[in-house]
Each structure stands twice: as structure tokens, then as C-alpha cells.
Amino acid sequence: MTLTLNTTRYLILHLVDQQLVMLPLDQLAEVFNLPLTQIVSIPDVPPAVMGVCNWRGEVTWVVDLGYLLGFAPLYQKGFSQTIYKVVLLQVDNQYVGLAVPKIGELINCSVQQVQDAGFSHINSNLARCLRGYYLYGDRQMVLAIDGHALMQLLVGD
């Protein structure tokens, strides 16, 4: 498959409440399974921070991506999962694990296909990271998230 200059590869991620988001593949380092038992809780951190894990010998923060963006948390009532999918976001030399219940597929999306969001009432964290939306498959809305903005949100300006 040939990509044009204005086409980017994205990885679709499923959140707890059936919302789909996508992140540019070039901002992701790895995808791995992480048992809940391997996440070490850290006191006095924001609620979206699940804790830290050992990734290839390095201590890496793990964040509930959906909860951070204003959607339902992974630990919501009625949802139980002992192994999470973690997408390792890489911006410059910084890494953070984004925990989600399910990984979707890789898609190619042109700049023209990402529509301006124009949402008026959204979570402020989502507003900082949202680049627009893409109508996928049977016209399901997938939110396009910018990894650089997401990393700035997590580590500060």
C-alpha cells in the first residue's frame, strides 16, 4: 500500500465506553500486555495515573488514557480486566504507557479526512489533545489525538 505525502498511519484504540481514539503510529514505540498486578500504585498522583511498571528495565508511568481524556475509567463498575493493553507513547526521549482495554487496527488517514472537531462541551484535557475526528468504517467517529499534546499534558509545559 502506497502512502501519499498527506497520509499518516494511525493506531485505533478502544476505550471502556466504546469510544474510539487514534494516535499517529510514528508517536508510538510499542504495544504490550500488562497484568494489573505489575502496575505499582503511587500515592498522591492524579486519578488517571494508574502507577508505574517495569518496561525493559526502565520505570515507566502508566496512565488510563480514557479517564485522562474525560471518558469512563478502566476500573468502572461492571468492567473487570486483569490484563491491559498498553501503548507506549514516545515523544522525543520521553515515554509513557497508555492503558486501554483493547487495541484496534492500523489505518491510513489523510489530513483531509480528519475533520475539525468543533465540539463545544468537552473535557479540557481532551480539548488540549484533540486534533479532530475521522469517520471510520460504518461511519463510527474516531477521535484523532495528538501525541505531542498528550505528552505535554502529562509532563507539563
N, C-alpha and C. Protein backbone atom coordinates (compact mmCIF):
# COMPACT_ATOMS: atom_id res chain seq x y z
N MET A 1 0.84 -1.18 0.00
CA MET A 1 0.00 0.00 0.00
C MET A 1 0.89 1.24 0.00
N THR A 2 0.63 2.15 -0.88
CA THR A 2 1.41 3.37 -1.01
C THR A 2 0.75 4.50 -0.23
N LEU A 3 1.56 5.22 0.51
CA LEU A 3 1.05 6.36 1.27
C LEU A 3 1.41 7.64 0.54
N THR A 4 0.48 8.56 0.48
CA THR A 4 0.77 9.86 -0.11
C THR A 4 1.45 10.73 0.94
N LEU A 5 1.95 11.88 0.53
CA LEU A 5 2.63 12.77 1.47
C LEU A 5 1.72 13.25 2.59
N ASN A 6 0.43 13.36 2.34
CA ASN A 6 -0.50 13.87 3.34
C ASN A 6 -1.20 12.75 4.12
N THR A 7 -0.71 11.52 4.02
CA THR A 7 -1.33 10.40 4.70
C THR A 7 -0.49 9.97 5.88
N THR A 8 -1.16 9.70 6.99
CA THR A 8 -0.50 9.25 8.20
C THR A 8 -1.09 7.92 8.61
N ARG A 9 -0.26 7.05 9.18
CA ARG A 9 -0.74 5.77 9.73
C ARG A 9 -1.11 6.01 11.19
N TYR A 10 -2.26 5.53 11.56
CA TYR A 10 -2.77 5.66 12.93
C TYR A 10 -3.08 4.29 13.50
N LEU A 11 -2.98 4.18 14.81
CA LEU A 11 -3.42 3.00 15.53
C LEU A 11 -4.70 3.37 16.26
N ILE A 12 -5.75 2.59 16.04
CA ILE A 12 -7.03 2.83 16.72
C ILE A 12 -7.01 2.13 18.07
N LEU A 13 -7.46 2.85 19.10
CA LEU A 13 -7.54 2.34 20.46
C LEU A 13 -8.98 2.40 20.93
N HIS A 14 -9.43 1.33 21.58
CA HIS A 14 -10.79 1.27 22.12
C HIS A 14 -10.74 1.68 23.59
N LEU A 15 -11.65 2.55 23.99
CA LEU A 15 -11.77 2.94 25.39
C LEU A 15 -12.94 2.17 26.00
N VAL A 16 -13.08 2.24 27.33
CA VAL A 16 -14.08 1.45 28.05
C VAL A 16 -15.50 1.69 27.53
N ASP A 17 -15.86 2.92 27.28
CA ASP A 17 -17.24 3.26 26.91
C ASP A 17 -17.49 3.20 25.40
N GLN A 18 -16.76 2.35 24.69
CA GLN A 18 -16.91 2.14 23.25
C GLN A 18 -16.42 3.30 22.39
N GLN A 19 -15.86 4.32 23.00
CA GLN A 19 -15.30 5.41 22.23
C GLN A 19 -14.00 4.94 21.59
N LEU A 20 -13.76 5.37 20.37
CA LEU A 20 -12.52 5.05 19.67
C LEU A 20 -11.67 6.31 19.57
N VAL A 21 -10.36 6.14 19.76
CA VAL A 21 -9.41 7.22 19.54
C VAL A 21 -8.31 6.67 18.65
N MET A 22 -7.58 7.57 18.00
CA MET A 22 -6.45 7.11 17.19
C MET A 22 -5.25 8.01 17.45
N LEU A 23 -4.09 7.37 17.47
CA LEU A 23 -2.82 8.08 17.67
C LEU A 23 -1.91 7.79 16.48
N PRO A 24 -1.13 8.79 16.04
CA PRO A 24 -0.22 8.55 14.92
C PRO A 24 0.80 7.46 15.28
N LEU A 25 0.97 6.52 14.38
CA LEU A 25 1.88 5.41 14.62
C LEU A 25 3.31 5.87 14.87
N ASP A 26 3.72 6.96 14.24
CA ASP A 26 5.10 7.43 14.42
C ASP A 26 5.35 8.02 15.81
N GLN A 27 4.31 8.14 16.63
CA GLN A 27 4.47 8.62 18.00
C GLN A 27 4.39 7.48 19.02
N LEU A 28 4.34 6.24 18.52
CA LEU A 28 4.21 5.07 19.38
C LEU A 28 5.45 4.20 19.26
N ALA A 29 5.94 3.72 20.40
CA ALA A 29 7.15 2.90 20.41
C ALA A 29 6.83 1.41 20.43
N GLU A 30 5.76 1.03 21.13
CA GLU A 30 5.49 -0.38 21.33
C GLU A 30 4.09 -0.57 21.88
N VAL A 31 3.56 -1.78 21.70
CA VAL A 31 2.30 -2.19 22.30
C VAL A 31 2.58 -3.48 23.05
N PHE A 32 2.12 -3.56 24.30
CA PHE A 32 2.36 -4.78 25.07
C PHE A 32 1.22 -5.04 26.04
N ASN A 33 1.12 -6.29 26.49
CA ASN A 33 0.15 -6.68 27.52
C ASN A 33 0.76 -6.41 28.88
N LEU A 34 -0.05 -5.89 29.79
CA LEU A 34 0.43 -5.60 31.14
C LEU A 34 -0.59 -6.07 32.17
N PRO A 35 -0.24 -7.11 32.93
CA PRO A 35 -1.14 -7.54 34.01
C PRO A 35 -1.28 -6.44 35.06
N LEU A 36 -2.47 -6.30 35.58
CA LEU A 36 -2.74 -5.30 36.61
C LEU A 36 -1.80 -5.47 37.80
N THR A 37 -1.41 -6.70 38.08
CA THR A 37 -0.53 -6.98 39.22
C THR A 37 0.88 -6.42 39.02
N GLN A 38 1.24 -6.04 37.80
CA GLN A 38 2.57 -5.49 37.53
C GLN A 38 2.59 -3.96 37.51
N ILE A 39 1.46 -3.36 37.86
CA ILE A 39 1.40 -1.91 37.97
C ILE A 39 1.51 -1.55 39.45
N VAL A 40 2.52 -0.77 39.78
CA VAL A 40 2.75 -0.37 41.17
C VAL A 40 2.09 0.99 41.38
N SER A 41 1.13 1.03 42.30
CA SER A 41 0.44 2.29 42.60
C SER A 41 1.39 3.27 43.27
N ILE A 42 1.18 4.54 42.97
CA ILE A 42 1.97 5.62 43.56
C ILE A 42 0.99 6.56 44.25
N PRO A 43 1.22 6.88 45.52
CA PRO A 43 0.29 7.78 46.23
C PRO A 43 0.39 9.22 45.72
N ASP A 44 -0.69 9.95 45.91
CA ASP A 44 -0.75 11.39 45.63
C ASP A 44 -0.46 11.76 44.18
N VAL A 45 -0.98 10.98 43.25
CA VAL A 45 -0.88 11.31 41.83
C VAL A 45 -2.30 11.54 41.30
N PRO A 46 -2.45 12.20 40.18
CA PRO A 46 -3.79 12.40 39.62
C PRO A 46 -4.50 11.06 39.39
N PRO A 47 -5.82 11.04 39.45
CA PRO A 47 -6.56 9.79 39.37
C PRO A 47 -6.35 8.99 38.07
N ALA A 48 -6.01 9.65 36.99
CA ALA A 48 -5.81 8.93 35.72
C ALA A 48 -4.49 8.17 35.71
N VAL A 49 -3.58 8.49 36.63
CA VAL A 49 -2.30 7.79 36.69
C VAL A 49 -2.50 6.50 37.48
N MET A 50 -2.31 5.38 36.80
CA MET A 50 -2.51 4.08 37.42
C MET A 50 -1.32 3.69 38.30
N GLY A 51 -0.13 4.16 37.91
CA GLY A 51 1.08 3.83 38.64
C GLY A 51 2.25 3.72 37.69
N VAL A 52 3.20 2.87 38.06
CA VAL A 52 4.38 2.66 37.22
C VAL A 52 4.54 1.16 36.95
N CYS A 53 5.28 0.86 35.90
CA CYS A 53 5.59 -0.52 35.58
C CYS A 53 7.04 -0.61 35.12
N ASN A 54 7.54 -1.81 35.03
CA ASN A 54 8.87 -2.06 34.51
C ASN A 54 8.73 -2.33 33.02
N TRP A 55 9.31 -1.44 32.22
CA TRP A 55 9.33 -1.65 30.78
C TRP A 55 10.79 -1.72 30.35
N ARG A 56 11.22 -2.92 30.00
CA ARG A 56 12.59 -3.15 29.53
C ARG A 56 13.64 -2.59 30.51
N GLY A 57 13.37 -2.80 31.79
CA GLY A 57 14.30 -2.36 32.82
C GLY A 57 14.17 -0.90 33.23
N GLU A 58 13.23 -0.19 32.65
CA GLU A 58 13.01 1.23 32.98
C GLU A 58 11.68 1.38 33.71
N VAL A 59 11.63 2.28 34.67
CA VAL A 59 10.37 2.60 35.35
C VAL A 59 9.58 3.52 34.42
N THR A 60 8.38 3.10 34.10
CA THR A 60 7.55 3.83 33.14
C THR A 60 6.18 4.10 33.74
N TRP A 61 5.72 5.33 33.64
CA TRP A 61 4.38 5.69 34.12
C TRP A 61 3.33 5.02 33.24
N VAL A 62 2.22 4.61 33.87
CA VAL A 62 1.09 4.03 33.16
C VAL A 62 -0.13 4.89 33.48
N VAL A 63 -0.81 5.34 32.42
CA VAL A 63 -1.95 6.24 32.55
C VAL A 63 -3.17 5.60 31.90
N ASP A 64 -4.32 5.73 32.54
CA ASP A 64 -5.59 5.30 31.97
C ASP A 64 -5.97 6.35 30.93
N LEU A 65 -5.77 6.04 29.66
CA LEU A 65 -5.97 7.02 28.60
C LEU A 65 -7.40 7.54 28.56
N GLY A 66 -8.37 6.66 28.63
CA GLY A 66 -9.76 7.09 28.59
C GLY A 66 -10.12 8.04 29.70
N TYR A 67 -9.72 7.70 30.91
CA TYR A 67 -10.02 8.54 32.07
C TYR A 67 -9.33 9.90 31.96
N LEU A 68 -8.09 9.89 31.49
CA LEU A 68 -7.35 11.14 31.31
C LEU A 68 -8.08 12.07 30.35
N LEU A 69 -8.70 11.50 29.31
CA LEU A 69 -9.39 12.30 28.30
C LEU A 69 -10.84 12.62 28.66
N GLY A 70 -11.29 12.18 29.83
CA GLY A 70 -12.63 12.52 30.29
C GLY A 70 -13.68 11.45 30.05
N PHE A 71 -13.26 10.25 29.68
CA PHE A 71 -14.19 9.15 29.47
C PHE A 71 -14.19 8.25 30.69
N ALA A 72 -14.95 7.17 30.63
CA ALA A 72 -15.06 6.24 31.76
C ALA A 72 -13.70 5.62 32.08
N PRO A 73 -13.40 5.44 33.38
CA PRO A 73 -12.13 4.83 33.77
C PRO A 73 -12.12 3.32 33.54
N LEU A 74 -10.94 2.76 33.46
CA LEU A 74 -10.81 1.31 33.29
C LEU A 74 -11.41 0.53 34.45
N TYR A 75 -11.41 1.12 35.64
CA TYR A 75 -11.89 0.41 36.82
C TYR A 75 -13.38 0.64 37.08
N GLN A 76 -14.12 1.15 36.10
CA GLN A 76 -15.54 1.44 36.33
C GLN A 76 -16.30 0.17 36.72
N LYS A 77 -17.39 0.37 37.40
CA LYS A 77 -18.23 -0.74 37.86
C LYS A 77 -18.72 -1.55 36.66
N GLY A 78 -18.60 -2.85 36.77
CA GLY A 78 -19.07 -3.72 35.69
C GLY A 78 -17.99 -4.05 34.67
N PHE A 79 -16.84 -3.42 34.77
CA PHE A 79 -15.75 -3.69 33.84
C PHE A 79 -14.60 -4.30 34.63
N SER A 80 -14.27 -5.52 34.31
CA SER A 80 -13.14 -6.13 35.01
C SER A 80 -12.20 -6.73 33.97
N GLN A 81 -10.97 -6.36 34.10
CA GLN A 81 -9.95 -6.86 33.18
C GLN A 81 -8.67 -6.94 34.00
N THR A 82 -8.01 -8.07 33.95
CA THR A 82 -6.79 -8.23 34.74
C THR A 82 -5.53 -7.97 33.92
N ILE A 83 -5.67 -7.96 32.61
CA ILE A 83 -4.54 -7.64 31.73
C ILE A 83 -4.97 -6.51 30.81
N TYR A 84 -4.19 -5.44 30.81
CA TYR A 84 -4.48 -4.29 29.96
C TYR A 84 -3.54 -4.28 28.76
N LYS A 85 -3.99 -3.64 27.72
CA LYS A 85 -3.14 -3.34 26.58
C LYS A 85 -2.50 -2.00 26.87
N VAL A 86 -1.21 -1.90 26.69
CA VAL A 86 -0.51 -0.65 26.92
C VAL A 86 0.18 -0.24 25.63
N VAL A 87 -0.09 0.99 25.23
CA VAL A 87 0.56 1.58 24.07
C VAL A 87 1.59 2.55 24.62
N LEU A 88 2.82 2.35 24.23
CA LEU A 88 3.89 3.20 24.74
C LEU A 88 4.03 4.42 23.83
N LEU A 89 3.62 5.57 24.37
CA LEU A 89 3.74 6.84 23.66
C LEU A 89 5.18 7.32 23.79
N GLN A 90 5.77 7.70 22.66
CA GLN A 90 7.13 8.20 22.65
C GLN A 90 7.16 9.57 21.98
N VAL A 91 7.55 10.56 22.74
CA VAL A 91 7.73 11.91 22.21
C VAL A 91 9.12 12.35 22.63
N ASP A 92 9.95 12.63 21.64
CA ASP A 92 11.36 12.91 21.88
C ASP A 92 11.94 11.72 22.65
N ASN A 93 12.52 11.94 23.80
CA ASN A 93 13.07 10.82 24.58
C ASN A 93 12.24 10.52 25.81
N GLN A 94 10.96 10.90 25.78
CA GLN A 94 10.07 10.64 26.90
C GLN A 94 9.08 9.54 26.52
N TYR A 95 8.80 8.67 27.48
CA TYR A 95 7.88 7.56 27.27
C TYR A 95 6.82 7.56 28.36
N VAL A 96 5.61 7.17 27.99
CA VAL A 96 4.56 6.93 28.97
C VAL A 96 3.65 5.84 28.40
N GLY A 97 3.20 4.96 29.29
CA GLY A 97 2.30 3.88 28.89
C GLY A 97 0.86 4.34 28.96
N LEU A 98 0.13 4.12 27.88
CA LEU A 98 -1.29 4.47 27.82
C LEU A 98 -2.10 3.17 27.89
N ALA A 99 -2.78 2.95 29.00
CA ALA A 99 -3.54 1.71 29.20
C ALA A 99 -4.93 1.84 28.59
N VAL A 100 -5.30 0.82 27.83
CA VAL A 100 -6.62 0.75 27.19
C VAL A 100 -7.10 -0.70 27.27
N PRO A 101 -8.42 -0.92 27.16
CA PRO A 101 -8.89 -2.30 27.23
C PRO A 101 -8.64 -3.10 25.95
N LYS A 102 -8.54 -2.40 24.81
CA LYS A 102 -8.44 -3.13 23.54
C LYS A 102 -7.73 -2.28 22.49
N ILE A 103 -6.91 -2.94 21.70
CA ILE A 103 -6.22 -2.29 20.58
C ILE A 103 -7.01 -2.60 19.31
N GLY A 104 -7.18 -1.57 18.49
CA GLY A 104 -7.86 -1.76 17.22
C GLY A 104 -6.87 -2.04 16.12
N GLU A 105 -7.17 -1.56 14.95
CA GLU A 105 -6.31 -1.83 13.81
C GLU A 105 -5.54 -0.59 13.37
N LEU A 106 -4.61 -0.81 12.47
CA LEU A 106 -3.87 0.28 11.85
C LEU A 106 -4.67 0.79 10.66
N ILE A 107 -4.74 2.10 10.53
CA ILE A 107 -5.43 2.68 9.38
C ILE A 107 -4.56 3.77 8.76
N ASN A 108 -4.79 4.03 7.51
CA ASN A 108 -4.16 5.15 6.82
C ASN A 108 -5.21 6.24 6.71
N CYS A 109 -4.83 7.43 7.04
CA CYS A 109 -5.78 8.54 7.05
C CYS A 109 -5.09 9.79 6.53
N SER A 110 -5.71 10.43 5.57
CA SER A 110 -5.12 11.66 5.03
C SER A 110 -5.53 12.84 5.90
N VAL A 111 -4.77 13.90 5.80
CA VAL A 111 -5.05 15.12 6.55
C VAL A 111 -6.46 15.61 6.24
N GLN A 112 -6.90 15.47 5.00
CA GLN A 112 -8.22 15.95 4.59
C GLN A 112 -9.35 15.13 5.22
N GLN A 113 -9.07 13.89 5.59
CA GLN A 113 -10.10 13.03 6.18
C GLN A 113 -10.33 13.32 7.66
N VAL A 114 -9.39 14.00 8.32
CA VAL A 114 -9.57 14.36 9.73
C VAL A 114 -10.35 15.68 9.76
N GLN A 115 -11.57 15.59 10.25
CA GLN A 115 -12.47 16.74 10.29
C GLN A 115 -12.23 17.57 11.54
N ASP A 116 -12.48 18.86 11.44
CA ASP A 116 -12.39 19.75 12.60
C ASP A 116 -13.45 19.31 13.61
N ALA A 117 -13.04 19.15 14.85
CA ALA A 117 -13.96 18.64 15.87
C ALA A 117 -15.11 19.59 16.13
N GLY A 118 -14.85 20.82 16.43
CA GLY A 118 -15.90 21.80 16.66
C GLY A 118 -16.83 21.47 17.82
N PHE A 119 -16.36 20.64 18.77
CA PHE A 119 -17.18 20.30 19.93
C PHE A 119 -17.12 21.45 20.93
N SER A 120 -18.25 21.81 21.50
CA SER A 120 -18.25 22.93 22.43
C SER A 120 -18.14 22.51 23.89
N HIS A 121 -18.63 21.33 24.22
CA HIS A 121 -18.64 20.90 25.62
C HIS A 121 -17.85 19.61 25.76
N ILE A 122 -16.52 19.75 25.85
CA ILE A 122 -15.69 18.57 26.05
C ILE A 122 -14.72 18.81 27.20
N ASN A 123 -14.22 17.72 27.75
CA ASN A 123 -13.25 17.76 28.83
C ASN A 123 -12.04 18.60 28.39
N SER A 124 -11.50 19.40 29.31
CA SER A 124 -10.39 20.28 28.95
C SER A 124 -9.14 19.50 28.53
N ASN A 125 -8.90 18.33 29.14
CA ASN A 125 -7.76 17.51 28.72
C ASN A 125 -7.95 17.03 27.28
N LEU A 126 -9.16 16.61 26.96
CA LEU A 126 -9.44 16.17 25.59
C LEU A 126 -9.28 17.34 24.63
N ALA A 127 -9.76 18.50 25.02
CA ALA A 127 -9.67 19.68 24.14
C ALA A 127 -8.22 20.01 23.81
N ARG A 128 -7.31 19.83 24.78
CA ARG A 128 -5.88 20.13 24.54
C ARG A 128 -5.23 19.15 23.58
N CYS A 129 -5.74 17.93 23.51
CA CYS A 129 -5.10 16.87 22.72
C CYS A 129 -5.83 16.54 21.42
N LEU A 130 -7.05 16.98 21.28
CA LEU A 130 -7.88 16.61 20.14
C LEU A 130 -7.49 17.39 18.89
N ARG A 131 -7.28 16.67 17.81
CA ARG A 131 -6.95 17.29 16.52
C ARG A 131 -8.11 17.22 15.55
N GLY A 132 -9.15 16.50 15.90
CA GLY A 132 -10.32 16.36 15.04
C GLY A 132 -10.87 14.95 15.15
N TYR A 133 -11.67 14.58 14.16
CA TYR A 133 -12.22 13.22 14.16
C TYR A 133 -12.22 12.67 12.74
N TYR A 134 -12.31 11.35 12.68
CA TYR A 134 -12.31 10.63 11.42
C TYR A 134 -13.50 9.70 11.43
N LEU A 135 -14.25 9.65 10.34
CA LEU A 135 -15.37 8.72 10.24
C LEU A 135 -14.86 7.41 9.68
N TYR A 136 -14.93 6.38 10.50
CA TYR A 136 -14.30 5.09 10.22
C TYR A 136 -15.35 4.02 9.94
N GLY A 137 -15.07 3.16 9.00
CA GLY A 137 -15.93 2.00 8.73
C GLY A 137 -17.36 2.39 8.48
N ASP A 138 -18.24 1.95 9.37
CA ASP A 138 -19.67 2.24 9.23
C ASP A 138 -20.00 3.62 9.79
N ARG A 139 -19.08 4.55 9.57
CA ARG A 139 -19.22 5.95 9.95
C ARG A 139 -19.15 6.15 11.46
N GLN A 140 -18.40 5.29 12.13
CA GLN A 140 -18.17 5.48 13.56
C GLN A 140 -17.10 6.56 13.74
N MET A 141 -17.34 7.47 14.68
CA MET A 141 -16.42 8.57 14.90
C MET A 141 -15.22 8.11 15.72
N VAL A 142 -14.02 8.38 15.18
CA VAL A 142 -12.77 8.09 15.87
C VAL A 142 -12.09 9.43 16.15
N LEU A 143 -11.78 9.70 17.41
CA LEU A 143 -11.15 10.95 17.77
C LEU A 143 -9.65 10.89 17.49
N ALA A 144 -9.14 11.86 16.77
CA ALA A 144 -7.71 11.93 16.44
C ALA A 144 -6.99 12.69 17.55
N ILE A 145 -6.08 12.01 18.22
CA ILE A 145 -5.35 12.57 19.36
C ILE A 145 -3.91 12.85 18.93
N ASP A 146 -3.39 13.99 19.33
CA ASP A 146 -2.01 14.36 19.04
C ASP A 146 -1.13 13.92 20.20
N GLY A 147 -0.17 13.04 19.93
CA GLY A 147 0.71 12.51 20.96
C GLY A 147 1.58 13.56 21.62
N HIS A 148 2.02 14.56 20.85
CA HIS A 148 2.85 15.63 21.44
C HIS A 148 2.05 16.42 22.48
N ALA A 149 0.81 16.76 22.14
CA ALA A 149 -0.05 17.49 23.09
C ALA A 149 -0.36 16.62 24.31
N LEU A 150 -0.56 15.33 24.08
CA LEU A 150 -0.86 14.42 25.18
C LEU A 150 0.35 14.33 26.12
N MET A 151 1.54 14.24 25.56
CA MET A 151 2.73 14.19 26.41
C MET A 151 2.91 15.50 27.19
N GLN A 152 2.65 16.64 26.55
CA GLN A 152 2.74 17.92 27.27
C GLN A 152 1.75 17.96 28.42
N LEU A 153 0.57 17.43 28.20
CA LEU A 153 -0.44 17.37 29.24
C LEU A 153 0.06 16.55 30.43
N LEU A 154 0.76 15.47 30.14
CA LEU A 154 1.22 14.57 31.19
C LEU A 154 2.46 15.05 31.94
N VAL A 155 3.40 15.65 31.23
CA VAL A 155 4.65 16.03 31.88
C VAL A 155 4.74 17.52 32.17
N GLY A 156 3.76 18.28 31.73
CA GLY A 156 3.77 19.72 31.98
C GLY A 156 4.46 20.46 30.86
N ASP A 157 4.30 21.75 30.86
CA ASP A 157 4.83 22.58 29.78
C ASP A 157 6.30 22.87 29.91
